Amino acid sequence: MKLGLGKALESVSLVRVSPEADYQWSPDGGRIAYIPLESESSIHQLEVGSSRAPESLAQLPDGSVVRELSWSADGQSLLYSAREPHERFFSLRRLELKTRRSSLVARSSNDLRHPVWLKDQQHFLYEANEGGISQLWIASADGQAPQLLGQPDESHRILGLSDTGDQVYTSRSRLEFPPDLVAVSLSSKELSVVAASPRQATGIRPRLMTVTSDDGLQVPVILWGDKLAGPDAKPRAIINVHGGPHLQELPVWDARTQYLLRQGMIVASVNYRGSRGYGADFEKHEDTAGQARDLIAVQRYLAEELGVPAENTSLLASSSGTRVAVQAAFLKPEGFGRLVLTSTVPLVPGTCPGESGSRRVLAFHGLNDNALSPSVARGALERCFGERPFGAGATQFEVFEDEGHQFHRSRTWARILSSLNG
């Protein structure tokens, strides 16, 4: 990402900002604090309309990671989330701009993210990631014990403060209900619904569990619909494989998951090694083969514990998750009946399953994908799964004209999900 600033075209400053991190305007609009792409362990400041070079505000030890920023109302301090090399989780710190000194303000046994200074400059909000649920907390700058806002099984995404500063707006997600827009009173700590989604509970809440990969690593899994497996049935299961790879599947209501459940399918969303939210040691993994073995461990659990036949087990993968799914099919070709790949990325050489087995391969791509063009993606998959042309037999490749790398349209997902039910 680049930021361009200037009062006239002849006075433009361009800085490269980390796409994984944050940038924030100061309250007076005269400065921008940001995390530069070339050094995610530092915080810089750029003056709007000035020819001066960006200024370094803070430099953490090498290997540190800074993510979100929040200005105080008077523009004299910044809250930020960071993780130093010796730390397992993200904590919150306060940077005084006058002295350039940082101090720890909140730490826990999970990731603390998205801090927001309140207008009184004595309190702040933040999100605590507890197994994929972003709990909403309020804390005091003087070190008093923080207070949970809402319920422990509610996930909140902070949207912003009201004009008066006495309320915070969040998008609240729950395990079995669609998201609501809620307002949280900062005086009474009570929540009120501003805009409610229709209450269409499926009656199926996810189960948070782990499976053991072949090297002993405990892999978090969000399991929906395990009660659908009966002793006389041949249940079907979908294994969700997220992209990133440093993203995280969440245990909250999702329209696509609910559709699959209504079709009688078990859904297992896997936070394979490299996923965020489980500490630095877990997140640092980028070994595709290890990630693929994590998927195989989930398939093994579905087969042994829930009786799901391999031919009824599908991998639904997106972006960099397609690389992991393809390698899982290479390592255990008999383990999966169907691969559904969206927004395929370059695959790992030497890990292609070929035409072995009777699996179906269904690939979907956006015409405007900026990571890999449809023609290149199709060619890579044809080389990986054999020379048979897409559209013949069990394999297909479909391009959506109005989509990019991320699919946003309902009709696109309707087409993809229907392919899982065919």
Protein backbone atom coordinates (compact mmCIF):
# COMPACT_ATOMS: atom_id res chain seq x y z
CA MET A 1 0.00 0.00 0.00
CA LYS A 2 1.17 3.55 -0.69
CA LEU A 3 0.08 6.80 0.92
CA GLY A 4 0.25 9.93 -1.22
CA LEU A 5 -0.05 13.35 0.43
CA GLY A 6 0.41 16.90 -0.78
CA LYS A 7 -1.30 20.27 -1.16
CA ALA A 8 -0.49 20.31 -4.85
CA LEU A 9 0.53 17.76 -7.41
CA GLU A 10 4.09 19.02 -7.32
CA SER A 11 4.25 18.30 -3.58
CA VAL A 12 3.41 14.66 -3.07
CA SER A 13 4.91 12.33 -0.48
CA LEU A 14 4.75 8.60 -1.11
CA VAL A 15 5.43 6.11 1.63
CA ARG A 16 5.08 2.34 1.55
CA VAL A 17 2.81 1.05 4.30
CA SER A 18 2.70 -2.54 5.49
CA PRO A 19 -0.49 -4.19 4.15
CA GLU A 20 -0.70 -6.25 7.34
CA ALA A 21 -0.56 -3.21 9.62
CA ASP A 22 -2.26 0.10 10.25
CA TYR A 23 -2.08 3.82 9.54
CA GLN A 24 -4.05 6.52 11.37
CA TRP A 25 -4.67 10.25 10.92
CA SER A 26 -3.97 12.43 13.93
CA PRO A 27 -7.02 14.17 15.49
CA ASP A 28 -6.03 17.55 13.99
CA GLY A 29 -5.56 16.02 10.54
CA GLY A 30 -1.99 17.25 10.27
CA ARG A 31 -0.11 13.98 10.71
CA ILE A 32 -0.33 10.31 9.85
CA ALA A 33 1.17 7.58 12.00
CA TYR A 34 1.94 4.37 10.15
CA ILE A 35 3.96 1.16 10.15
CA PRO A 36 6.36 1.18 7.17
CA LEU A 37 6.58 -1.80 4.86
CA GLU A 38 10.35 -2.01 5.19
CA SER A 39 10.27 -2.16 9.00
CA GLU A 40 7.21 -3.63 10.71
CA SER A 41 8.99 -3.22 14.05
CA SER A 42 8.77 0.59 13.93
CA ILE A 43 6.22 3.42 13.93
CA HIS A 44 6.72 6.42 11.66
CA GLN A 45 4.99 9.78 11.33
CA LEU A 46 4.38 11.81 8.19
CA GLU A 47 3.41 15.49 8.28
CA VAL A 48 0.68 16.40 5.81
CA GLY A 49 1.68 18.97 3.20
CA SER A 50 5.28 19.09 4.40
CA SER A 51 8.40 18.35 2.40
CA ARG A 52 10.07 16.90 5.48
CA ALA A 53 11.03 13.25 5.44
CA PRO A 54 8.95 10.87 7.56
CA GLU A 55 10.00 10.74 11.19
CA SER A 56 10.58 7.62 13.27
CA LEU A 57 8.54 7.67 16.47
CA ALA A 58 9.45 4.28 17.90
CA GLN A 59 11.78 1.41 17.07
CA LEU A 60 11.13 -1.94 18.72
CA PRO A 61 13.72 -4.75 18.83
CA ASP A 62 14.46 -6.50 15.54
CA GLY A 63 11.92 -9.23 14.87
CA SER A 64 9.10 -7.34 16.58
CA VAL A 65 5.78 -6.81 14.83
CA VAL A 66 3.60 -3.69 15.23
CA ARG A 67 0.02 -3.84 13.99
CA GLU A 68 -2.76 -1.38 15.00
CA LEU A 69 -2.49 2.27 16.11
CA SER A 70 -4.82 4.70 17.94
CA TRP A 71 -4.26 8.41 18.65
CA SER A 72 -5.23 10.05 21.92
CA ALA A 73 -7.69 12.95 21.60
CA ASP A 74 -4.96 15.56 22.19
CA GLY A 75 -2.60 13.96 19.66
CA GLN A 76 0.14 13.55 22.26
CA SER A 77 0.22 9.76 22.53
CA LEU A 78 -0.43 6.59 20.58
CA LEU A 79 -1.74 3.21 21.65
CA TYR A 80 -0.41 0.33 19.59
CA SER A 81 -0.48 -3.45 19.49
CA ALA A 82 2.87 -5.21 19.18
CA ARG A 83 4.63 -8.50 19.71
CA GLU A 84 8.35 -8.58 20.52
CA PRO A 85 10.55 -11.59 19.64
CA HIS A 86 10.41 -13.05 23.16
CA GLU A 87 6.61 -12.69 23.42
CA ARG A 88 4.05 -15.30 22.46
CA PHE A 89 1.06 -12.96 22.05
CA PHE A 90 0.35 -9.38 21.04
CA SER A 91 0.17 -6.87 23.90
CA LEU A 92 -0.79 -3.18 24.05
CA ARG A 93 1.62 -0.31 24.60
CA ARG A 94 1.40 3.45 25.00
CA LEU A 95 3.83 5.76 23.19
CA GLU A 96 4.30 9.32 24.49
CA LEU A 97 5.28 11.37 21.48
CA LYS A 98 7.02 14.11 23.45
CA THR A 99 9.47 11.77 25.15
CA ARG A 100 9.33 8.91 22.59
CA ARG A 101 8.97 6.50 25.50
CA SER A 102 6.74 3.42 25.37
CA SER A 103 5.11 1.63 28.30
CA LEU A 104 3.13 -1.59 28.57
CA VAL A 105 -0.59 -1.03 29.29
CA ALA A 106 -2.17 -4.46 28.74
CA ARG A 107 -0.98 -8.04 28.39
CA SER A 108 -2.81 -11.38 28.49
CA SER A 109 -2.59 -15.04 27.53
CA ASN A 110 -4.07 -14.27 24.12
CA ASP A 111 -3.68 -11.67 21.38
CA LEU A 112 -4.81 -8.13 22.31
CA ARG A 113 -5.57 -6.13 19.16
CA HIS A 114 -7.34 -3.05 17.78
CA PRO A 115 -6.88 -0.58 20.66
CA VAL A 116 -9.06 2.55 20.67
CA TRP A 117 -8.35 5.54 22.92
CA LEU A 118 -11.48 7.03 24.47
CA LYS A 119 -11.96 10.78 24.52
CA ASP A 120 -11.31 11.07 28.25
CA GLN A 121 -7.76 9.86 27.53
CA GLN A 122 -7.98 7.74 30.67
CA HIS A 123 -9.60 4.63 29.22
CA PHE A 124 -9.27 2.56 26.08
CA LEU A 125 -11.01 -0.33 24.34
CA TYR A 126 -9.47 -3.37 22.74
CA GLU A 127 -10.29 -6.79 21.34
CA ALA A 128 -8.94 -9.97 22.94
CA ASN A 129 -8.79 -13.00 20.63
CA GLU A 130 -10.00 -15.99 22.61
CA GLY A 131 -10.04 -19.00 20.28
CA GLY A 132 -11.23 -16.85 17.37
CA ILE A 133 -13.80 -14.93 19.42
CA SER A 134 -12.86 -11.25 19.69
CA GLN A 135 -14.02 -10.29 23.15
CA LEU A 136 -14.55 -6.56 23.81
CA TRP A 137 -12.73 -5.10 26.82
CA ILE A 138 -12.39 -1.67 28.41
CA ALA A 139 -9.32 -0.80 30.46
CA SER A 140 -7.88 2.13 32.36
CA ALA A 141 -4.54 3.72 31.58
CA ASP A 142 -3.71 3.74 35.30
CA GLY A 143 -3.53 -0.05 35.44
CA GLN A 144 -6.91 -0.93 36.96
CA ALA A 145 -8.31 -4.35 36.10
CA PRO A 146 -9.99 -4.40 32.65
CA GLN A 147 -13.70 -5.13 32.29
CA LEU A 148 -15.38 -7.40 29.74
CA LEU A 149 -18.17 -5.74 27.73
CA GLY A 150 -20.84 -8.14 26.52
CA GLN A 151 -20.75 -11.91 26.86
CA PRO A 152 -17.69 -14.19 26.63
CA ASP A 153 -19.08 -16.01 23.56
CA GLU A 154 -19.81 -12.81 21.63
CA SER A 155 -17.33 -11.64 19.03
CA HIS A 156 -17.03 -7.87 18.54
CA ARG A 157 -15.33 -5.88 15.80
CA ILE A 158 -14.89 -2.26 16.85
CA LEU A 159 -16.29 0.13 14.23
CA GLY A 160 -15.82 3.48 15.96
CA LEU A 161 -16.97 5.91 18.62
CA SER A 162 -20.08 8.10 18.60
CA ASP A 163 -19.64 11.84 18.04
CA THR A 164 -20.08 12.48 21.75
CA GLY A 165 -17.64 9.74 22.66
CA ASP A 166 -19.99 8.08 25.15
CA GLN A 167 -20.77 5.05 22.99
CA VAL A 168 -18.78 2.61 20.89
CA TYR A 169 -20.29 0.90 17.85
CA THR A 170 -19.37 -2.70 17.10
CA SER A 171 -20.36 -5.48 14.76
CA ARG A 172 -21.36 -8.30 17.11
CA SER A 173 -21.27 -11.88 15.91
CA ARG A 174 -22.50 -14.86 17.87
CA LEU A 175 -22.12 -18.57 17.40
CA GLU A 176 -25.53 -19.28 15.88
CA PHE A 177 -26.95 -15.88 14.88
CA PRO A 178 -26.11 -13.44 12.05
CA PRO A 179 -24.19 -10.28 13.05
CA ASP A 180 -25.86 -7.27 14.70
CA LEU A 181 -24.79 -3.63 14.84
CA VAL A 182 -24.70 -2.72 18.53
CA ALA A 183 -23.93 0.35 20.61
CA VAL A 184 -22.12 -0.06 23.91
CA SER A 185 -22.67 2.63 26.56
CA LEU A 186 -19.30 3.49 28.09
CA SER A 187 -20.97 4.75 31.27
CA SER A 188 -23.46 1.95 32.02
CA LYS A 189 -21.55 -0.73 30.02
CA GLU A 190 -24.89 -1.89 28.59
CA LEU A 191 -25.33 -3.03 24.99
CA SER A 192 -28.21 -1.96 22.75
CA VAL A 193 -28.99 -3.24 19.27
CA VAL A 194 -28.89 -0.52 16.60
CA ALA A 195 -29.60 -2.78 13.63
CA ALA A 196 -30.56 -6.43 14.03
CA SER A 197 -30.15 -9.27 11.56
CA PRO A 198 -32.98 -11.76 11.12
CA ARG A 199 -32.90 -14.46 13.79
CA GLN A 200 -32.48 -17.63 11.75
CA ALA A 201 -30.70 -19.91 14.20
CA THR A 202 -29.79 -23.30 12.85
CA GLY A 203 -29.76 -24.86 16.31
CA ILE A 204 -26.19 -26.03 15.61
CA ARG A 205 -23.41 -24.40 17.58
CA PRO A 206 -19.78 -25.11 16.67
CA ARG A 207 -17.54 -27.24 18.82
CA LEU A 208 -14.01 -25.95 19.41
CA MET A 209 -11.57 -28.83 19.46
CA THR A 210 -8.10 -29.92 18.39
CA VAL A 211 -6.76 -32.84 16.41
CA THR A 212 -3.25 -34.24 16.67
CA SER A 213 -1.11 -33.94 13.56
CA ASP A 214 1.44 -36.63 12.75
CA ASP A 215 4.26 -34.74 14.49
CA GLY A 216 2.22 -34.29 17.69
CA LEU A 217 1.16 -30.69 17.04
CA GLN A 218 -2.32 -29.83 18.33
CA VAL A 219 -4.29 -28.26 15.46
CA PRO A 220 -7.36 -26.12 16.29
CA VAL A 221 -10.55 -27.11 14.48
CA ILE A 222 -14.01 -25.52 14.52
CA LEU A 223 -16.50 -28.32 13.99
CA TRP A 224 -20.12 -27.81 13.00
CA GLY A 225 -22.73 -30.51 12.63
CA ASP A 226 -20.91 -33.48 14.13
CA LYS A 227 -24.26 -34.70 15.47
CA LEU A 228 -25.38 -35.15 11.85
CA ALA A 229 -23.29 -38.32 11.69
CA GLY A 230 -25.51 -41.27 12.49
CA PRO A 231 -24.61 -44.96 12.87
CA ASP A 232 -26.41 -45.98 9.67
CA ALA A 233 -25.66 -42.91 7.60
CA LYS A 234 -22.80 -42.10 5.23
CA PRO A 235 -22.28 -38.48 6.23
CA ARG A 236 -20.64 -35.86 4.04
CA ALA A 237 -18.03 -33.40 5.29
CA ILE A 238 -16.41 -30.21 4.09
CA ILE A 239 -12.94 -29.23 5.31
CA ASN A 240 -12.48 -25.44 5.04
CA VAL A 241 -8.92 -24.36 4.22
CA HIS A 242 -8.39 -20.62 4.65
CA GLY A 243 -5.86 -18.51 2.76
CA GLY A 244 -3.29 -16.15 4.15
CA PRO A 245 -1.64 -18.30 5.36
CA HIS A 246 -1.52 -16.21 8.56
CA LEU A 247 -5.28 -15.80 8.87
CA GLN A 248 -7.76 -17.51 11.19
CA GLU A 249 -11.06 -19.31 10.79
CA LEU A 250 -13.61 -17.97 13.29
CA PRO A 251 -16.28 -19.86 15.25
CA VAL A 252 -19.06 -17.38 14.48
CA TRP A 253 -22.14 -17.42 12.28
CA ASP A 254 -21.35 -17.54 8.58
CA ALA A 255 -23.92 -17.76 5.79
CA ARG A 256 -21.88 -20.23 3.74
CA THR A 257 -21.40 -22.58 6.66
CA GLN A 258 -25.08 -22.40 7.56
CA TYR A 259 -26.05 -23.29 4.00
CA LEU A 260 -23.84 -26.38 4.05
CA LEU A 261 -25.27 -27.43 7.41
CA ARG A 262 -28.79 -27.16 6.02
CA GLN A 263 -27.72 -29.53 3.26
CA GLY A 264 -26.80 -32.07 5.92
CA MET A 265 -23.03 -31.64 5.71
CA ILE A 266 -20.49 -31.61 8.51
CA VAL A 267 -18.18 -28.57 8.32
CA ALA A 268 -14.68 -28.57 9.77
CA SER A 269 -12.82 -25.25 9.59
CA VAL A 270 -9.12 -25.82 10.20
CA ASN A 271 -6.65 -23.37 11.68
CA TYR A 272 -3.63 -25.24 10.41
CA ARG A 273 -0.10 -24.38 11.57
CA GLY A 274 0.72 -20.83 10.52
CA SER A 275 -2.74 -19.50 11.46
CA ARG A 276 -2.80 -16.49 13.73
CA GLY A 277 -4.40 -16.26 17.15
CA TYR A 278 -2.56 -19.17 18.78
CA GLY A 279 0.77 -17.58 19.62
CA ALA A 280 3.98 -16.69 17.80
CA ASP A 281 5.39 -20.24 17.75
CA PHE A 282 2.27 -21.59 16.04
CA GLU A 283 1.95 -18.64 13.65
CA LYS A 284 5.55 -18.71 12.40
CA HIS A 285 5.06 -22.03 10.59
CA GLU A 286 5.11 -21.68 6.79
CA ASP A 287 5.83 -25.30 5.91
CA THR A 288 3.22 -26.28 3.32
CA ALA A 289 3.86 -29.98 3.82
CA GLY A 290 3.22 -29.64 7.57
CA GLN A 291 0.06 -27.65 6.89
CA ALA A 292 -1.11 -30.35 4.47
CA ARG A 293 -0.53 -33.02 7.14
CA ASP A 294 -2.75 -30.99 9.46
CA LEU A 295 -5.58 -31.33 6.93
CA ILE A 296 -4.96 -35.06 6.70
CA ALA A 297 -5.22 -35.28 10.50
CA VAL A 298 -8.67 -33.66 10.28
CA GLN A 299 -9.73 -36.07 7.52
CA ARG A 300 -8.56 -38.96 9.68
CA TYR A 301 -10.62 -37.69 12.63
CA LEU A 302 -13.72 -37.34 10.45
CA ALA A 303 -13.30 -40.89 9.18
CA GLU A 304 -12.43 -42.61 12.45
CA GLU A 305 -14.64 -40.70 14.88
CA LEU A 306 -17.60 -39.61 12.74
CA GLY A 307 -17.63 -42.28 10.07
CA VAL A 308 -17.25 -39.94 7.09
CA PRO A 309 -16.06 -41.93 4.05
CA ALA A 310 -13.08 -40.49 2.18
CA GLU A 311 -15.13 -40.21 -1.00
CA ASN A 312 -17.61 -38.02 0.89
CA THR A 313 -14.92 -35.66 2.19
CA SER A 314 -14.29 -32.45 0.24
CA LEU A 315 -11.58 -29.82 0.61
CA LEU A 316 -12.84 -26.25 0.09
CA ALA A 317 -9.74 -24.05 -0.21
CA SER A 318 -9.09 -20.42 -1.12
CA SER A 319 -6.02 -18.44 -2.15
CA SER A 320 -2.86 -19.79 -0.49
CA GLY A 321 -5.04 -22.49 1.04
CA THR A 322 -5.29 -24.05 -2.45
CA ARG A 323 -1.57 -24.81 -2.26
CA VAL A 324 -2.09 -26.60 1.05
CA ALA A 325 -5.13 -28.53 -0.19
CA VAL A 326 -3.38 -29.74 -3.35
CA GLN A 327 -0.42 -30.97 -1.33
CA ALA A 328 -2.77 -32.80 1.06
CA ALA A 329 -4.29 -34.58 -1.94
CA PHE A 330 -0.77 -35.43 -3.10
CA LEU A 331 0.24 -36.88 0.27
CA LYS A 332 -3.00 -38.83 0.69
CA PRO A 333 -4.72 -39.15 -2.70
CA GLU A 334 -7.26 -41.65 -1.36
CA GLY A 335 -8.33 -39.32 1.47
CA PHE A 336 -10.49 -36.82 -0.39
CA GLY A 337 -13.28 -37.25 -2.88
CA ARG A 338 -13.42 -33.67 -4.09
CA LEU A 339 -11.22 -30.59 -4.24
CA VAL A 340 -12.94 -27.22 -4.64
CA LEU A 341 -10.31 -24.55 -5.26
CA THR A 342 -11.06 -20.82 -5.36
CA SER A 343 -8.49 -18.20 -6.44
CA THR A 344 -5.68 -20.68 -7.00
CA VAL A 345 -2.14 -19.45 -6.30
CA PRO A 346 1.17 -20.87 -7.65
CA LEU A 347 1.49 -24.48 -6.50
CA VAL A 348 4.49 -26.18 -4.88
CA PRO A 349 6.56 -28.00 -7.55
CA GLY A 350 6.65 -31.75 -7.14
CA THR A 351 3.47 -31.96 -5.06
CA CYS A 352 0.86 -32.54 -7.74
CA PRO A 353 -1.48 -35.50 -7.36
CA GLY A 354 -1.77 -36.14 -11.10
CA GLU A 355 -4.76 -38.12 -12.35
CA SER A 356 -4.62 -40.73 -9.58
CA GLY A 357 -7.84 -41.61 -7.85
CA SER A 358 -11.40 -40.74 -8.77
CA ARG A 359 -11.55 -37.35 -7.11
CA ARG A 360 -13.30 -34.41 -8.70
CA VAL A 361 -11.41 -31.13 -9.08
CA LEU A 362 -13.54 -28.00 -9.31
CA ALA A 363 -11.70 -24.70 -9.70
CA PHE A 364 -13.14 -21.18 -9.64
CA HIS A 365 -11.26 -17.99 -10.47
CA GLY A 366 -11.95 -14.28 -10.79
CA LEU A 367 -11.34 -12.63 -14.14
CA ASN A 368 -9.77 -9.67 -12.33
CA ASP A 369 -7.59 -11.73 -9.98
CA ASN A 370 -4.45 -9.67 -9.33
CA ALA A 371 -2.50 -12.58 -7.83
CA LEU A 372 -2.73 -15.02 -10.75
CA SER A 373 -4.54 -14.58 -14.04
CA PRO A 374 -7.20 -17.16 -14.96
CA SER A 375 -5.15 -18.51 -17.87
CA VAL A 376 -2.04 -19.01 -15.73
CA ALA A 377 -4.07 -20.59 -12.93
CA ARG A 378 -5.80 -22.95 -15.33
CA GLY A 379 -2.51 -23.96 -16.90
CA ALA A 380 -0.99 -24.66 -13.50
CA LEU A 381 -3.93 -26.88 -12.50
CA GLU A 382 -3.92 -28.74 -15.81
CA ARG A 383 -0.24 -29.54 -15.37
CA CYS A 384 -0.90 -30.57 -11.78
CA PHE A 385 -3.89 -32.84 -12.35
CA GLY A 386 -3.06 -34.24 -15.77
CA GLU A 387 -3.56 -33.18 -19.34
CA ARG A 388 -7.28 -33.77 -19.56
CA PRO A 389 -9.02 -30.49 -20.44
CA PHE A 390 -11.17 -28.76 -17.86
CA GLY A 391 -14.85 -29.22 -18.49
CA ALA A 392 -14.45 -32.88 -19.42
CA GLY A 393 -15.20 -35.69 -17.04
CA ALA A 394 -14.88 -34.91 -13.37
CA THR A 395 -12.82 -31.72 -13.62
CA GLN A 396 -13.91 -28.15 -14.34
CA PHE A 397 -12.55 -24.62 -14.35
CA GLU A 398 -14.92 -21.65 -14.16
CA VAL A 399 -14.17 -17.93 -14.38
CA PHE A 400 -16.35 -15.21 -12.80
CA GLU A 401 -16.17 -12.05 -14.87
CA ASP A 402 -16.95 -9.60 -12.06
CA GLU A 403 -14.72 -11.01 -9.30
CA GLY A 404 -11.12 -10.44 -8.24
CA HIS A 405 -8.95 -12.49 -5.92
CA GLN A 406 -11.53 -12.27 -3.13
CA PHE A 407 -15.07 -13.32 -4.06
CA HIS A 408 -17.77 -10.96 -2.78
CA ARG A 409 -20.94 -11.64 -4.76
CA SER A 410 -23.72 -13.84 -3.45
CA ARG A 411 -24.34 -15.50 -6.81
CA THR A 412 -20.65 -16.46 -7.00
CA TRP A 413 -20.79 -18.27 -3.68
CA ALA A 414 -24.13 -19.81 -4.56
CA ARG A 415 -22.47 -21.39 -7.59
CA ILE A 416 -19.47 -22.62 -5.58
CA LEU A 417 -21.51 -24.05 -2.71
CA SER A 418 -23.91 -25.78 -5.08
CA SER A 419 -20.92 -27.59 -6.57
CA LEU A 420 -20.27 -29.12 -3.16
CA ASN A 421 -23.80 -30.47 -3.05
CA GLY A 422 -23.73 -32.01 -6.50
